[in-house]
């Protein structure tokens, strides 16, 4: 399994951030809980880097909470960008996280910098949100999904 991941990692050298693409048809509809449970985490590893473009479209409620991306997650983003051959600035595109409630749990998702201002203007506490997310990897068991697009469904 690890060998297959390494081969996939080597083959995945070109990737364009979805924020620049107009087509989101390759995002699989699911719940946040299911996306979380399907995300690969290498047991005992400090970092898991996802080499595939694992994408989901999920719904949840914005809790009103936000924070800066922590050091461990920033390091994961740097390792992910480097491992996949992306320009270093890809890792710098995620400085903030939003808390989304779904399935009676809270999930922290990294929000692309170009989406921060529109999100702050459009999403209010308890807003129903549709999120287009991609799995990047994990710091230990802490999974990291990034938001590439959002839609406010209701306030």
N, C-alpha and C. Protein backbone atom coordinates (compact mmCIF):
# COMPACT_ATOMS: atom_id res chain seq x y z
N UNK A 1 0.83 -1.19 0.00
CA UNK A 1 0.00 0.00 0.00
C UNK A 1 0.87 1.25 0.00
N UNK A 2 1.88 1.27 0.88
CA UNK A 2 2.77 2.42 0.94
C UNK A 2 3.52 2.57 -0.38
N UNK A 3 3.94 1.46 -0.97
CA UNK A 3 4.64 1.50 -2.25
C UNK A 3 3.75 2.10 -3.34
N UNK A 4 2.47 1.70 -3.36
CA UNK A 4 1.52 2.24 -4.34
C UNK A 4 1.35 3.75 -4.14
N UNK A 5 1.28 4.18 -2.89
CA UNK A 5 1.16 5.62 -2.61
C UNK A 5 2.37 6.38 -3.13
N UNK A 6 3.55 5.80 -2.93
CA UNK A 6 4.77 6.48 -3.39
C UNK A 6 4.79 6.59 -4.91
N UNK A 7 4.33 5.55 -5.59
CA UNK A 7 4.27 5.60 -7.05
C UNK A 7 3.26 6.66 -7.49
N UNK A 8 2.09 6.67 -6.84
CA UNK A 8 1.09 7.69 -7.16
C UNK A 8 1.63 9.08 -6.88
N UNK A 9 2.37 9.21 -5.80
CA UNK A 9 2.98 10.49 -5.46
C UNK A 9 3.93 10.94 -6.55
N UNK A 10 4.73 10.05 -7.07
CA UNK A 10 5.68 10.39 -8.13
C UNK A 10 4.96 10.75 -9.42
N UNK A 11 3.85 10.10 -9.69
CA UNK A 11 3.11 10.38 -10.92
C UNK A 11 2.26 11.64 -10.83
N UNK A 12 2.01 12.10 -9.63
CA UNK A 12 1.15 13.27 -9.43
C UNK A 12 1.98 14.54 -9.32
N UNK A 13 2.69 14.88 -10.36
CA UNK A 13 3.58 16.03 -10.27
C UNK A 13 2.95 17.33 -10.74
N UNK A 14 1.80 17.25 -11.40
CA UNK A 14 1.17 18.48 -11.89
C UNK A 14 -0.25 18.54 -11.35
N UNK A 15 -0.56 19.64 -10.70
CA UNK A 15 -1.89 19.83 -10.15
C UNK A 15 -2.19 21.31 -10.13
N UNK A 16 -3.37 21.71 -10.54
CA UNK A 16 -3.77 23.11 -10.55
C UNK A 16 -4.81 23.31 -9.47
N UNK A 17 -4.65 24.33 -8.65
CA UNK A 17 -5.61 24.59 -7.59
C UNK A 17 -7.00 24.74 -8.20
N UNK A 18 -7.98 24.09 -7.59
CA UNK A 18 -9.33 24.09 -8.12
C UNK A 18 -9.98 25.47 -8.11
N UNK A 19 -9.45 26.38 -7.32
CA UNK A 19 -10.04 27.71 -7.31
C UNK A 19 -9.92 28.36 -8.69
N UNK A 20 -8.96 27.94 -9.49
CA UNK A 20 -8.75 28.52 -10.81
C UNK A 20 -9.60 27.80 -11.87
N UNK A 21 -10.14 26.66 -11.55
CA UNK A 21 -10.93 25.89 -12.50
C UNK A 21 -12.41 26.20 -12.33
N UNK A 22 -13.14 26.16 -13.43
CA UNK A 22 -14.57 26.46 -13.38
C UNK A 22 -15.39 25.20 -13.17
N UNK A 23 -14.83 24.04 -13.38
CA UNK A 23 -15.57 22.79 -13.34
C UNK A 23 -15.33 22.05 -12.01
N UNK A 24 -16.40 21.83 -11.27
CA UNK A 24 -16.30 21.12 -10.00
C UNK A 24 -17.05 19.79 -10.06
N UNK A 25 -17.22 19.26 -11.27
CA UNK A 25 -17.99 18.03 -11.46
C UNK A 25 -17.29 16.78 -10.90
N UNK A 26 -15.99 16.88 -10.63
CA UNK A 26 -15.27 15.72 -10.10
C UNK A 26 -15.30 15.64 -8.57
N UNK A 27 -16.08 16.50 -7.93
CA UNK A 27 -16.26 16.46 -6.48
C UNK A 27 -17.42 15.52 -6.15
N UNK A 28 -17.15 14.54 -5.31
CA UNK A 28 -18.13 13.50 -4.97
C UNK A 28 -19.03 13.97 -3.82
N UNK A 29 -20.35 14.00 -4.02
CA UNK A 29 -21.25 14.39 -2.93
C UNK A 29 -21.20 13.35 -1.80
N UNK A 30 -21.06 13.84 -0.58
CA UNK A 30 -21.03 12.96 0.60
C UNK A 30 -21.24 13.81 1.84
N UNK A 31 -21.14 13.19 3.00
CA UNK A 31 -21.20 13.93 4.26
C UNK A 31 -19.77 14.20 4.74
N UNK A 32 -19.62 15.18 5.61
CA UNK A 32 -18.30 15.43 6.19
C UNK A 32 -17.81 14.23 6.97
N UNK A 33 -18.70 13.57 7.69
CA UNK A 33 -18.31 12.39 8.47
C UNK A 33 -17.76 11.30 7.55
N UNK A 34 -18.42 11.07 6.42
CA UNK A 34 -17.96 10.04 5.48
C UNK A 34 -16.63 10.44 4.85
N UNK A 35 -16.49 11.70 4.46
CA UNK A 35 -15.21 12.17 3.89
C UNK A 35 -14.09 11.95 4.90
N UNK A 36 -14.36 12.30 6.16
CA UNK A 36 -13.35 12.14 7.23
C UNK A 36 -12.97 10.68 7.38
N UNK A 37 -13.97 9.81 7.38
CA UNK A 37 -13.69 8.39 7.60
C UNK A 37 -12.98 7.74 6.41
N UNK A 38 -13.18 8.27 5.21
CA UNK A 38 -12.53 7.71 4.02
C UNK A 38 -11.10 8.23 3.82
N UNK A 39 -10.74 9.29 4.51
CA UNK A 39 -9.42 9.90 4.34
C UNK A 39 -8.33 8.97 4.89
N UNK A 40 -7.35 8.68 4.07
CA UNK A 40 -6.26 7.79 4.46
C UNK A 40 -5.35 8.46 5.48
N UNK A 41 -5.05 7.74 6.53
CA UNK A 41 -4.09 8.18 7.54
C UNK A 41 -3.14 7.02 7.76
N UNK A 42 -1.85 7.25 7.57
CA UNK A 42 -0.84 6.21 7.79
C UNK A 42 -0.57 6.10 9.29
N UNK A 43 -0.93 4.98 9.86
CA UNK A 43 -0.77 4.77 11.31
C UNK A 43 0.70 4.88 11.71
N UNK A 44 0.94 5.65 12.76
CA UNK A 44 2.29 5.82 13.28
C UNK A 44 3.13 6.84 12.54
N UNK A 45 2.63 7.40 11.45
CA UNK A 45 3.39 8.40 10.69
C UNK A 45 3.15 9.79 11.27
N UNK A 46 4.19 10.61 11.25
CA UNK A 46 4.02 12.00 11.67
C UNK A 46 3.14 12.76 10.67
N UNK A 47 3.35 12.47 9.38
CA UNK A 47 2.59 13.12 8.32
C UNK A 47 2.12 12.10 7.30
N UNK A 48 0.89 12.25 6.84
CA UNK A 48 0.38 11.51 5.70
C UNK A 48 0.15 12.54 4.61
N UNK A 49 0.71 12.31 3.43
CA UNK A 49 0.51 13.22 2.31
C UNK A 49 -0.31 12.48 1.25
N UNK A 50 -1.46 13.03 0.92
CA UNK A 50 -2.34 12.42 -0.07
C UNK A 50 -1.86 12.81 -1.47
N UNK A 51 -1.55 11.80 -2.28
CA UNK A 51 -1.03 12.04 -3.63
C UNK A 51 -2.15 12.15 -4.67
N UNK A 52 -3.33 11.67 -4.32
CA UNK A 52 -4.45 11.72 -5.26
C UNK A 52 -5.28 12.97 -5.00
N UNK A 53 -6.07 13.35 -5.95
CA UNK A 53 -6.99 14.48 -5.78
C UNK A 53 -8.32 13.94 -5.25
N UNK A 54 -8.39 13.75 -3.94
CA UNK A 54 -9.59 13.21 -3.30
C UNK A 54 -10.50 14.40 -2.98
N UNK A 55 -11.61 14.50 -3.72
CA UNK A 55 -12.46 15.69 -3.64
C UNK A 55 -13.89 15.31 -3.29
N UNK A 56 -14.49 16.16 -2.47
CA UNK A 56 -15.87 15.94 -2.04
C UNK A 56 -16.63 17.27 -2.07
N UNK A 57 -17.94 17.16 -2.22
CA UNK A 57 -18.82 18.30 -1.97
C UNK A 57 -19.68 17.91 -0.78
N UNK A 58 -19.66 18.75 0.26
CA UNK A 58 -20.31 18.44 1.53
C UNK A 58 -21.12 19.65 2.00
N UNK A 59 -22.11 19.39 2.83
CA UNK A 59 -22.90 20.45 3.43
C UNK A 59 -22.68 20.47 4.94
N UNK A 60 -22.79 21.65 5.52
CA UNK A 60 -22.66 21.80 6.96
C UNK A 60 -23.13 23.17 7.37
N UNK A 61 -22.94 23.50 8.64
CA UNK A 61 -23.31 24.80 9.18
C UNK A 61 -22.06 25.50 9.68
N UNK A 62 -21.93 26.77 9.32
CA UNK A 62 -20.79 27.55 9.80
C UNK A 62 -21.02 27.88 11.27
N UNK A 63 -20.08 27.54 12.12
CA UNK A 63 -20.23 27.76 13.56
C UNK A 63 -19.94 29.20 13.97
N UNK A 64 -19.36 29.97 13.07
CA UNK A 64 -18.95 31.33 13.40
C UNK A 64 -17.51 31.39 13.90
N UNK A 65 -16.90 30.22 14.09
CA UNK A 65 -15.51 30.17 14.57
C UNK A 65 -14.54 30.13 13.39
N UNK A 66 -13.41 30.79 13.59
CA UNK A 66 -12.33 30.75 12.61
C UNK A 66 -11.02 30.91 13.36
N UNK A 67 -9.95 30.49 12.74
CA UNK A 67 -8.63 30.58 13.37
C UNK A 67 -7.56 30.54 12.29
N UNK A 68 -6.35 30.87 12.70
CA UNK A 68 -5.21 30.73 11.80
C UNK A 68 -4.83 29.26 11.72
N UNK A 69 -4.31 28.85 10.58
CA UNK A 69 -3.84 27.48 10.42
C UNK A 69 -2.64 27.27 11.35
N UNK A 70 -2.65 26.19 12.10
CA UNK A 70 -1.58 25.91 13.05
C UNK A 70 -0.29 25.47 12.38
N UNK A 71 0.79 25.47 13.16
CA UNK A 71 2.13 25.14 12.64
C UNK A 71 2.20 23.75 12.01
N UNK A 72 1.62 22.76 12.66
CA UNK A 72 1.66 21.40 12.13
C UNK A 72 0.97 21.30 10.78
N UNK A 73 -0.18 21.93 10.67
CA UNK A 73 -0.92 21.91 9.40
C UNK A 73 -0.20 22.71 8.32
N UNK A 74 0.43 23.82 8.70
CA UNK A 74 1.22 24.59 7.73
C UNK A 74 2.38 23.74 7.20
N UNK A 75 3.01 23.01 8.10
CA UNK A 75 4.11 22.14 7.68
C UNK A 75 3.60 21.04 6.75
N UNK A 76 2.44 20.49 7.04
CA UNK A 76 1.83 19.50 6.15
C UNK A 76 1.59 20.10 4.77
N UNK A 77 1.05 21.30 4.71
CA UNK A 77 0.82 21.96 3.42
C UNK A 77 2.12 22.16 2.65
N UNK A 78 3.18 22.55 3.35
CA UNK A 78 4.48 22.73 2.70
C UNK A 78 5.00 21.40 2.14
N UNK A 79 4.91 20.36 2.96
CA UNK A 79 5.38 19.03 2.52
C UNK A 79 4.54 18.51 1.35
N UNK A 80 3.23 18.75 1.41
CA UNK A 80 2.33 18.33 0.34
C UNK A 80 2.71 19.03 -0.97
N UNK A 81 2.87 20.34 -0.93
CA UNK A 81 3.21 21.10 -2.13
C UNK A 81 4.54 20.63 -2.70
N UNK A 82 5.53 20.45 -1.84
CA UNK A 82 6.85 20.02 -2.29
C UNK A 82 6.80 18.60 -2.86
N UNK A 83 6.13 17.69 -2.17
CA UNK A 83 6.06 16.29 -2.60
C UNK A 83 5.39 16.14 -3.96
N UNK A 84 4.39 16.96 -4.22
CA UNK A 84 3.65 16.85 -5.48
C UNK A 84 4.22 17.76 -6.57
N UNK A 85 5.31 18.46 -6.26
CA UNK A 85 5.95 19.30 -7.26
C UNK A 85 5.22 20.60 -7.55
N UNK A 86 4.39 21.04 -6.61
CA UNK A 86 3.68 22.31 -6.78
C UNK A 86 4.61 23.46 -6.43
N UNK A 87 4.34 24.64 -6.97
CA UNK A 87 5.13 25.81 -6.55
C UNK A 87 4.99 26.03 -5.04
N UNK A 88 6.04 26.51 -4.39
CA UNK A 88 5.99 26.71 -2.93
C UNK A 88 4.83 27.60 -2.47
N UNK A 89 4.41 28.55 -3.30
CA UNK A 89 3.34 29.45 -2.88
C UNK A 89 1.99 28.74 -2.70
N UNK A 90 1.83 27.52 -3.21
CA UNK A 90 0.59 26.78 -2.99
C UNK A 90 0.35 26.58 -1.50
N UNK A 91 1.39 26.27 -0.77
CA UNK A 91 1.26 26.04 0.67
C UNK A 91 0.87 27.32 1.40
N UNK A 92 1.26 28.46 0.86
CA UNK A 92 0.97 29.75 1.49
C UNK A 92 -0.44 30.25 1.21
N UNK A 93 -1.18 29.52 0.39
CA UNK A 93 -2.54 29.94 0.04
C UNK A 93 -3.56 29.63 1.12
N UNK A 94 -3.11 29.00 2.21
CA UNK A 94 -4.03 28.61 3.27
C UNK A 94 -3.51 29.13 4.61
N UNK A 95 -4.09 30.22 5.09
CA UNK A 95 -3.68 30.81 6.35
C UNK A 95 -4.78 30.78 7.40
N UNK A 96 -6.01 30.47 6.97
CA UNK A 96 -7.15 30.52 7.88
C UNK A 96 -7.98 29.25 7.78
N UNK A 97 -8.61 28.92 8.90
CA UNK A 97 -9.50 27.77 8.95
C UNK A 97 -10.86 28.24 9.45
N UNK A 98 -11.89 27.51 9.01
CA UNK A 98 -13.25 27.75 9.48
C UNK A 98 -13.76 26.49 10.14
N UNK A 99 -14.62 26.65 11.13
CA UNK A 99 -15.23 25.51 11.81
C UNK A 99 -16.61 25.28 11.22
N UNK A 100 -16.84 24.05 10.78
CA UNK A 100 -18.10 23.67 10.17
C UNK A 100 -18.73 22.56 11.02
N UNK A 101 -19.97 22.74 11.38
CA UNK A 101 -20.68 21.73 12.14
C UNK A 101 -21.48 20.83 11.20
N UNK A 102 -21.37 19.53 11.44
CA UNK A 102 -22.13 18.54 10.67
C UNK A 102 -22.11 17.23 11.45
N UNK A 103 -23.19 16.51 11.38
CA UNK A 103 -23.26 15.19 12.01
C UNK A 103 -22.92 15.27 13.51
N UNK A 104 -23.32 16.35 14.16
CA UNK A 104 -23.10 16.59 15.59
C UNK A 104 -21.62 16.67 15.97
N UNK A 105 -20.78 17.03 14.99
CA UNK A 105 -19.34 17.21 15.22
C UNK A 105 -18.91 18.53 14.61
N UNK A 106 -17.73 18.98 15.00
CA UNK A 106 -17.15 20.19 14.41
C UNK A 106 -15.89 19.80 13.66
N UNK A 107 -15.78 20.30 12.44
CA UNK A 107 -14.64 20.01 11.56
C UNK A 107 -13.96 21.34 11.20
N UNK A 108 -12.64 21.35 11.32
CA UNK A 108 -11.86 22.53 10.94
C UNK A 108 -11.32 22.31 9.52
N UNK A 109 -11.64 23.26 8.64
CA UNK A 109 -11.25 23.17 7.23
C UNK A 109 -10.46 24.41 6.85
N UNK A 110 -9.35 24.21 6.15
CA UNK A 110 -8.53 25.34 5.70
C UNK A 110 -9.21 26.00 4.50
N UNK A 111 -9.27 27.31 4.53
CA UNK A 111 -9.94 28.09 3.49
C UNK A 111 -8.88 28.81 2.65
N UNK A 112 -8.97 28.68 1.34
CA UNK A 112 -8.01 29.37 0.46
C UNK A 112 -8.08 30.87 0.72
N UNK A 113 -6.93 31.53 0.74
CA UNK A 113 -6.88 32.96 0.99
C UNK A 113 -7.81 33.77 0.09
N UNK A 114 -7.91 33.48 -1.22
CA UNK A 114 -8.82 34.28 -2.05
C UNK A 114 -10.30 34.14 -1.66
N UNK A 115 -10.62 33.12 -0.86
CA UNK A 115 -12.01 32.91 -0.44
C UNK A 115 -12.33 33.51 0.92
N UNK A 116 -11.32 33.98 1.65
CA UNK A 116 -11.54 34.46 3.02
C UNK A 116 -12.49 35.65 3.06
N UNK A 117 -12.23 36.67 2.28
CA UNK A 117 -13.10 37.86 2.31
C UNK A 117 -14.51 37.56 1.82
N UNK A 118 -14.69 36.86 0.68
CA UNK A 118 -16.05 36.52 0.28
C UNK A 118 -16.78 35.68 1.33
N UNK A 119 -16.07 34.74 1.96
CA UNK A 119 -16.69 33.90 2.98
C UNK A 119 -17.14 34.77 4.16
N UNK A 120 -16.27 35.66 4.62
CA UNK A 120 -16.61 36.53 5.75
C UNK A 120 -17.82 37.42 5.43
N UNK A 121 -17.91 37.85 4.19
CA UNK A 121 -19.02 38.72 3.79
C UNK A 121 -20.34 37.97 3.63
N UNK A 122 -20.27 36.73 3.18
CA UNK A 122 -21.48 35.98 2.83
C UNK A 122 -21.97 35.03 3.92
N UNK A 123 -21.07 34.41 4.65
CA UNK A 123 -21.45 33.39 5.63
C UNK A 123 -21.60 34.00 7.02
N UNK A 124 -22.73 33.78 7.61
CA UNK A 124 -22.98 34.22 8.98
C UNK A 124 -23.05 32.99 9.88
N UNK A 125 -22.93 33.19 11.17
CA UNK A 125 -23.03 32.08 12.10
C UNK A 125 -24.34 31.33 11.87
N UNK A 126 -24.26 30.02 11.82
CA UNK A 126 -25.37 29.08 11.59
C UNK A 126 -25.81 29.00 10.13
N UNK A 127 -25.13 29.70 9.22
CA UNK A 127 -25.45 29.58 7.79
C UNK A 127 -25.24 28.15 7.34
N UNK A 128 -26.16 27.64 6.51
CA UNK A 128 -25.96 26.35 5.85
C UNK A 128 -25.02 26.60 4.68
N UNK A 129 -23.96 25.81 4.60
CA UNK A 129 -22.90 26.02 3.61
C UNK A 129 -22.68 24.74 2.82
N UNK A 130 -22.50 24.89 1.52
CA UNK A 130 -22.02 23.78 0.68
C UNK A 130 -20.55 24.07 0.40
N UNK A 131 -19.70 23.07 0.68
CA UNK A 131 -18.25 23.23 0.55
C UNK A 131 -17.68 22.22 -0.43
N UNK A 132 -16.79 22.67 -1.26
CA UNK A 132 -16.06 21.81 -2.19
C UNK A 132 -14.67 21.66 -1.59
N UNK A 133 -14.41 20.46 -1.07
CA UNK A 133 -13.19 20.25 -0.29
C UNK A 133 -12.29 19.20 -0.94
N UNK A 134 -11.02 19.28 -0.60
CA UNK A 134 -10.04 18.32 -1.09
C UNK A 134 -9.18 17.86 0.08
N UNK A 135 -8.90 16.57 0.13
CA UNK A 135 -8.08 16.01 1.20
C UNK A 135 -6.60 16.18 0.86
N UNK A 136 -5.86 16.78 1.77
CA UNK A 136 -4.42 17.04 1.58
C UNK A 136 -3.58 15.97 2.28
N UNK A 137 -4.02 15.56 3.46
CA UNK A 137 -3.26 14.60 4.25
C UNK A 137 -3.57 14.79 5.73
N UNK A 138 -2.64 14.33 6.56
CA UNK A 138 -2.87 14.39 8.01
C UNK A 138 -1.57 14.65 8.75
N UNK A 139 -1.72 15.31 9.87
CA UNK A 139 -0.63 15.46 10.84
C UNK A 139 -0.98 14.47 11.95
N UNK A 140 -0.25 13.37 12.00
CA UNK A 140 -0.64 12.29 12.90
C UNK A 140 -2.00 11.77 12.46
N UNK A 141 -3.00 11.89 13.33
CA UNK A 141 -4.38 11.46 13.01
C UNK A 141 -5.26 12.65 12.61
N UNK A 142 -4.71 13.86 12.66
CA UNK A 142 -5.47 15.09 12.38
C UNK A 142 -5.54 15.35 10.88
N UNK A 143 -6.68 15.03 10.29
CA UNK A 143 -6.88 15.16 8.84
C UNK A 143 -7.00 16.63 8.43
N UNK A 144 -6.49 16.93 7.23
CA UNK A 144 -6.58 18.30 6.71
C UNK A 144 -7.28 18.29 5.35
N UNK A 145 -8.43 18.93 5.33
CA UNK A 145 -9.15 19.18 4.09
C UNK A 145 -9.07 20.67 3.81
N UNK A 146 -8.98 21.03 2.54
CA UNK A 146 -8.97 22.44 2.15
C UNK A 146 -10.24 22.75 1.37
N UNK A 147 -10.72 23.98 1.52
CA UNK A 147 -11.92 24.43 0.83
C UNK A 147 -11.50 25.14 -0.44
N UNK A 148 -11.99 24.64 -1.58
CA UNK A 148 -11.68 25.23 -2.88
C UNK A 148 -12.82 26.08 -3.43
N UNK A 149 -14.01 25.92 -2.83
CA UNK A 149 -15.18 26.70 -3.25
C UNK A 149 -16.23 26.54 -2.17
N UNK A 150 -17.11 27.53 -2.05
CA UNK A 150 -18.23 27.43 -1.11
C UNK A 150 -19.46 28.10 -1.70
N UNK A 151 -20.62 27.68 -1.19
CA UNK A 151 -21.89 28.32 -1.53
C UNK A 151 -22.68 28.42 -0.24
N UNK A 152 -23.22 29.61 0.04
CA UNK A 152 -24.11 29.76 1.18
C UNK A 152 -25.50 29.32 0.73
N UNK A 153 -26.05 28.31 1.39
CA UNK A 153 -27.35 27.77 1.02
C UNK A 153 -28.49 28.52 1.71
N UNK A 154 -28.29 28.90 2.96
CA UNK A 154 -29.28 29.69 3.70
C UNK A 154 -28.60 30.36 4.88
N UNK A 155 -29.18 31.47 5.30
CA UNK A 155 -28.63 32.23 6.44
C UNK A 155 -29.25 31.78 7.73
